[in-house]
Amino acid sequence: MTSSGVKATSWYTLAAASSYPIGTIIYIPYFKDKPNGGWFVVQDRGGSIKNNKLDVYMDTHSGAIQFGRKSLECYVYM
């Protein structure tokens, strides 16, 4: 469950700092060929997520580890 009260969904859910309100829509071109077309919604928070960092929800821990950390271009739509 996310801090917004909904279940986290792969290719949809982002965790972000409180400077991004819950419900903020963010486009990440890197993911344009994925099932979501690159569009995500901020649905969660994270204690170590600060500033302009985002956490993309993935179905598996191993998938998240394999993806790792990346600096990606993002566009915020409110």
N, C-alpha and C. Protein backbone atom coordinates (compact mmCIF):
# COMPACT_ATOMS: atom_id res chain seq x y z
N MET A 1 0.83 -1.18 0.00
CA MET A 1 0.00 0.00 0.00
C MET A 1 0.88 1.25 0.00
N THR A 2 0.44 2.24 -0.69
CA THR A 2 1.17 3.51 -0.75
C THR A 2 0.65 4.45 0.33
N SER A 3 1.35 5.54 0.53
CA SER A 3 0.91 6.53 1.52
C SER A 3 -0.38 7.23 1.09
N SER A 4 -0.73 7.12 -0.20
CA SER A 4 -1.98 7.71 -0.68
C SER A 4 -3.17 6.78 -0.45
N GLY A 5 -2.89 5.56 0.02
CA GLY A 5 -3.95 4.61 0.32
C GLY A 5 -4.31 3.66 -0.80
N VAL A 6 -3.58 3.69 -1.91
CA VAL A 6 -3.84 2.77 -3.00
C VAL A 6 -2.70 1.77 -3.12
N LYS A 7 -2.97 0.66 -3.76
CA LYS A 7 -1.94 -0.36 -3.98
C LYS A 7 -0.97 0.12 -5.06
N ALA A 8 0.32 -0.03 -4.80
CA ALA A 8 1.34 0.34 -5.78
C ALA A 8 1.18 -0.52 -7.03
N THR A 9 1.33 0.11 -8.19
CA THR A 9 1.16 -0.56 -9.47
C THR A 9 2.39 -0.33 -10.33
N SER A 10 2.92 -1.42 -10.86
CA SER A 10 4.08 -1.33 -11.74
C SER A 10 3.72 -0.52 -12.98
N TRP A 11 4.63 0.30 -13.46
CA TRP A 11 4.47 1.17 -14.62
C TRP A 11 3.42 2.25 -14.39
N TYR A 12 3.23 2.61 -13.11
CA TYR A 12 2.26 3.66 -12.79
C TYR A 12 2.68 4.46 -11.56
N THR A 13 3.09 3.78 -10.50
CA THR A 13 3.33 4.41 -9.21
C THR A 13 4.75 4.96 -9.08
N LEU A 14 4.84 6.20 -8.59
CA LEU A 14 6.11 6.82 -8.22
C LEU A 14 6.06 7.20 -6.75
N ALA A 15 7.20 7.13 -6.10
CA ALA A 15 7.36 7.73 -4.77
C ALA A 15 8.22 8.97 -4.98
N ALA A 16 7.85 10.05 -4.30
CA ALA A 16 8.56 11.31 -4.47
C ALA A 16 8.57 12.08 -3.16
N ALA A 17 9.41 13.10 -3.10
CA ALA A 17 9.48 13.98 -1.93
C ALA A 17 8.17 14.75 -1.80
N SER A 18 7.94 15.32 -0.63
CA SER A 18 6.68 16.04 -0.37
C SER A 18 6.54 17.30 -1.23
N SER A 19 7.61 17.72 -1.88
CA SER A 19 7.50 18.87 -2.79
C SER A 19 6.67 18.53 -4.03
N TYR A 20 6.43 17.24 -4.27
CA TYR A 20 5.55 16.79 -5.35
C TYR A 20 4.27 16.28 -4.71
N PRO A 21 3.16 16.99 -4.86
CA PRO A 21 1.91 16.54 -4.24
C PRO A 21 1.47 15.16 -4.75
N ILE A 22 0.83 14.40 -3.87
CA ILE A 22 0.24 13.14 -4.29
C ILE A 22 -0.70 13.45 -5.46
N GLY A 23 -0.62 12.63 -6.50
CA GLY A 23 -1.44 12.83 -7.69
C GLY A 23 -0.72 13.55 -8.81
N THR A 24 0.48 14.08 -8.54
CA THR A 24 1.26 14.75 -9.58
C THR A 24 1.58 13.75 -10.69
N ILE A 25 1.38 14.17 -11.92
CA ILE A 25 1.67 13.33 -13.08
C ILE A 25 3.04 13.70 -13.61
N ILE A 26 3.86 12.68 -13.84
CA ILE A 26 5.23 12.90 -14.31
C ILE A 26 5.49 12.03 -15.54
N TYR A 27 6.01 12.66 -16.59
CA TYR A 27 6.37 11.94 -17.81
C TYR A 27 7.88 11.74 -17.81
N ILE A 28 8.31 10.50 -18.03
CA ILE A 28 9.73 10.16 -18.10
C ILE A 28 9.99 9.53 -19.47
N PRO A 29 10.56 10.30 -20.40
CA PRO A 29 10.75 9.80 -21.77
C PRO A 29 11.52 8.48 -21.87
N TYR A 30 12.40 8.20 -20.94
CA TYR A 30 13.17 6.96 -20.94
C TYR A 30 12.23 5.74 -21.01
N PHE A 31 11.04 5.85 -20.43
CA PHE A 31 10.09 4.75 -20.35
C PHE A 31 9.01 4.82 -21.44
N LYS A 32 9.23 5.61 -22.48
CA LYS A 32 8.19 5.83 -23.49
C LYS A 32 7.74 4.55 -24.20
N ASP A 33 8.58 3.54 -24.25
CA ASP A 33 8.23 2.28 -24.92
C ASP A 33 7.68 1.23 -23.96
N LYS A 34 7.48 1.60 -22.72
CA LYS A 34 6.93 0.67 -21.72
C LYS A 34 5.41 0.74 -21.74
N PRO A 35 4.74 -0.16 -21.01
CA PRO A 35 3.26 -0.21 -21.05
C PRO A 35 2.56 1.10 -20.69
N ASN A 36 3.20 1.95 -19.90
CA ASN A 36 2.58 3.22 -19.48
C ASN A 36 2.89 4.37 -20.43
N GLY A 37 3.69 4.12 -21.44
CA GLY A 37 4.08 5.18 -22.37
C GLY A 37 4.96 6.24 -21.74
N GLY A 38 5.47 5.96 -20.53
CA GLY A 38 6.34 6.91 -19.84
C GLY A 38 5.62 7.76 -18.80
N TRP A 39 4.32 7.59 -18.63
CA TRP A 39 3.53 8.41 -17.69
C TRP A 39 3.39 7.71 -16.34
N PHE A 40 3.64 8.46 -15.28
CA PHE A 40 3.56 7.95 -13.91
C PHE A 40 2.76 8.92 -13.05
N VAL A 41 2.32 8.43 -11.88
CA VAL A 41 1.60 9.27 -10.92
C VAL A 41 2.28 9.13 -9.56
N VAL A 42 2.54 10.25 -8.90
CA VAL A 42 3.09 10.23 -7.55
C VAL A 42 2.00 9.72 -6.61
N GLN A 43 2.25 8.56 -6.01
CA GLN A 43 1.29 7.96 -5.10
C GLN A 43 1.89 7.62 -3.75
N ASP A 44 3.19 7.84 -3.59
CA ASP A 44 3.84 7.41 -2.36
C ASP A 44 4.95 8.38 -1.96
N ARG A 45 5.39 8.23 -0.75
CA ARG A 45 6.51 8.99 -0.18
C ARG A 45 7.59 8.00 0.23
N GLY A 46 8.76 8.50 0.50
CA GLY A 46 9.85 7.67 0.99
C GLY A 46 10.76 8.51 1.85
N GLY A 47 11.16 7.97 2.99
CA GLY A 47 11.99 8.72 3.92
C GLY A 47 13.30 9.19 3.34
N SER A 48 13.86 8.42 2.43
CA SER A 48 15.16 8.80 1.86
C SER A 48 15.03 9.45 0.48
N ILE A 49 13.79 9.72 0.06
CA ILE A 49 13.58 10.37 -1.23
C ILE A 49 13.54 11.88 -1.00
N LYS A 50 14.55 12.56 -1.49
CA LYS A 50 14.70 13.99 -1.25
C LYS A 50 14.84 14.73 -2.58
N ASN A 51 14.57 16.03 -2.52
CA ASN A 51 14.78 16.94 -3.66
C ASN A 51 14.08 16.45 -4.92
N ASN A 52 14.82 16.32 -5.99
CA ASN A 52 14.24 15.91 -7.28
C ASN A 52 14.41 14.43 -7.58
N LYS A 53 14.56 13.63 -6.56
CA LYS A 53 14.70 12.19 -6.75
C LYS A 53 13.31 11.55 -6.79
N LEU A 54 13.17 10.53 -7.63
CA LEU A 54 11.93 9.78 -7.74
C LEU A 54 12.25 8.30 -7.60
N ASP A 55 11.28 7.54 -7.13
CA ASP A 55 11.42 6.10 -7.01
C ASP A 55 10.31 5.45 -7.83
N VAL A 56 10.68 4.75 -8.88
CA VAL A 56 9.72 4.07 -9.75
C VAL A 56 9.40 2.72 -9.14
N TYR A 57 8.12 2.46 -8.90
CA TYR A 57 7.73 1.16 -8.34
C TYR A 57 7.91 0.07 -9.39
N MET A 58 8.54 -1.03 -8.98
CA MET A 58 8.71 -2.20 -9.84
C MET A 58 8.19 -3.41 -9.10
N ASP A 59 7.69 -4.38 -9.84
CA ASP A 59 7.06 -5.56 -9.24
C ASP A 59 7.99 -6.39 -8.38
N THR A 60 9.28 -6.42 -8.74
CA THR A 60 10.21 -7.27 -7.99
C THR A 60 11.42 -6.48 -7.51
N HIS A 61 11.95 -6.93 -6.39
CA HIS A 61 13.16 -6.32 -5.85
C HIS A 61 14.32 -6.52 -6.82
N SER A 62 14.40 -7.71 -7.40
CA SER A 62 15.51 -7.99 -8.32
C SER A 62 15.42 -7.09 -9.56
N GLY A 63 14.21 -6.80 -10.03
CA GLY A 63 14.04 -5.88 -11.16
C GLY A 63 14.51 -4.48 -10.82
N ALA A 64 14.20 -4.05 -9.58
CA ALA A 64 14.64 -2.72 -9.14
C ALA A 64 16.16 -2.66 -9.02
N ILE A 65 16.76 -3.70 -8.48
CA ILE A 65 18.23 -3.75 -8.34
C ILE A 65 18.87 -3.75 -9.73
N GLN A 66 18.32 -4.54 -10.63
CA GLN A 66 18.87 -4.60 -11.99
C GLN A 66 18.77 -3.24 -12.68
N PHE A 67 17.65 -2.52 -12.49
CA PHE A 67 17.48 -1.21 -13.09
C PHE A 67 18.47 -0.22 -12.48
N GLY A 68 18.63 -0.27 -11.17
CA GLY A 68 19.60 0.58 -10.48
C GLY A 68 19.16 2.02 -10.39
N ARG A 69 20.14 2.90 -10.22
CA ARG A 69 19.90 4.34 -10.13
C ARG A 69 20.30 4.98 -11.44
N LYS A 70 19.46 5.88 -11.89
CA LYS A 70 19.75 6.58 -13.14
C LYS A 70 19.35 8.05 -13.01
N SER A 71 20.03 8.89 -13.72
CA SER A 71 19.63 10.30 -13.83
C SER A 71 18.87 10.42 -15.15
N LEU A 72 17.56 10.66 -15.06
CA LEU A 72 16.71 10.68 -16.25
C LEU A 72 15.99 12.01 -16.38
N GLU A 73 15.70 12.38 -17.59
CA GLU A 73 14.92 13.57 -17.88
C GLU A 73 13.46 13.30 -17.51
N CYS A 74 12.83 14.25 -16.82
CA CYS A 74 11.43 14.11 -16.39
C CYS A 74 10.69 15.41 -16.62
N TYR A 75 9.40 15.30 -16.87
CA TYR A 75 8.53 16.45 -17.04
C TYR A 75 7.35 16.33 -16.08
N VAL A 76 7.10 17.39 -15.34
CA VAL A 76 6.04 17.38 -14.32
C VAL A 76 4.80 18.05 -14.89
N TYR A 77 3.67 17.35 -14.77
CA TYR A 77 2.36 17.89 -15.14
C TYR A 77 1.51 17.84 -13.89
N MET A 78 0.97 18.98 -13.49
CA MET A 78 0.19 18.99 -12.25
C MET A 78 -1.28 18.96 -12.51
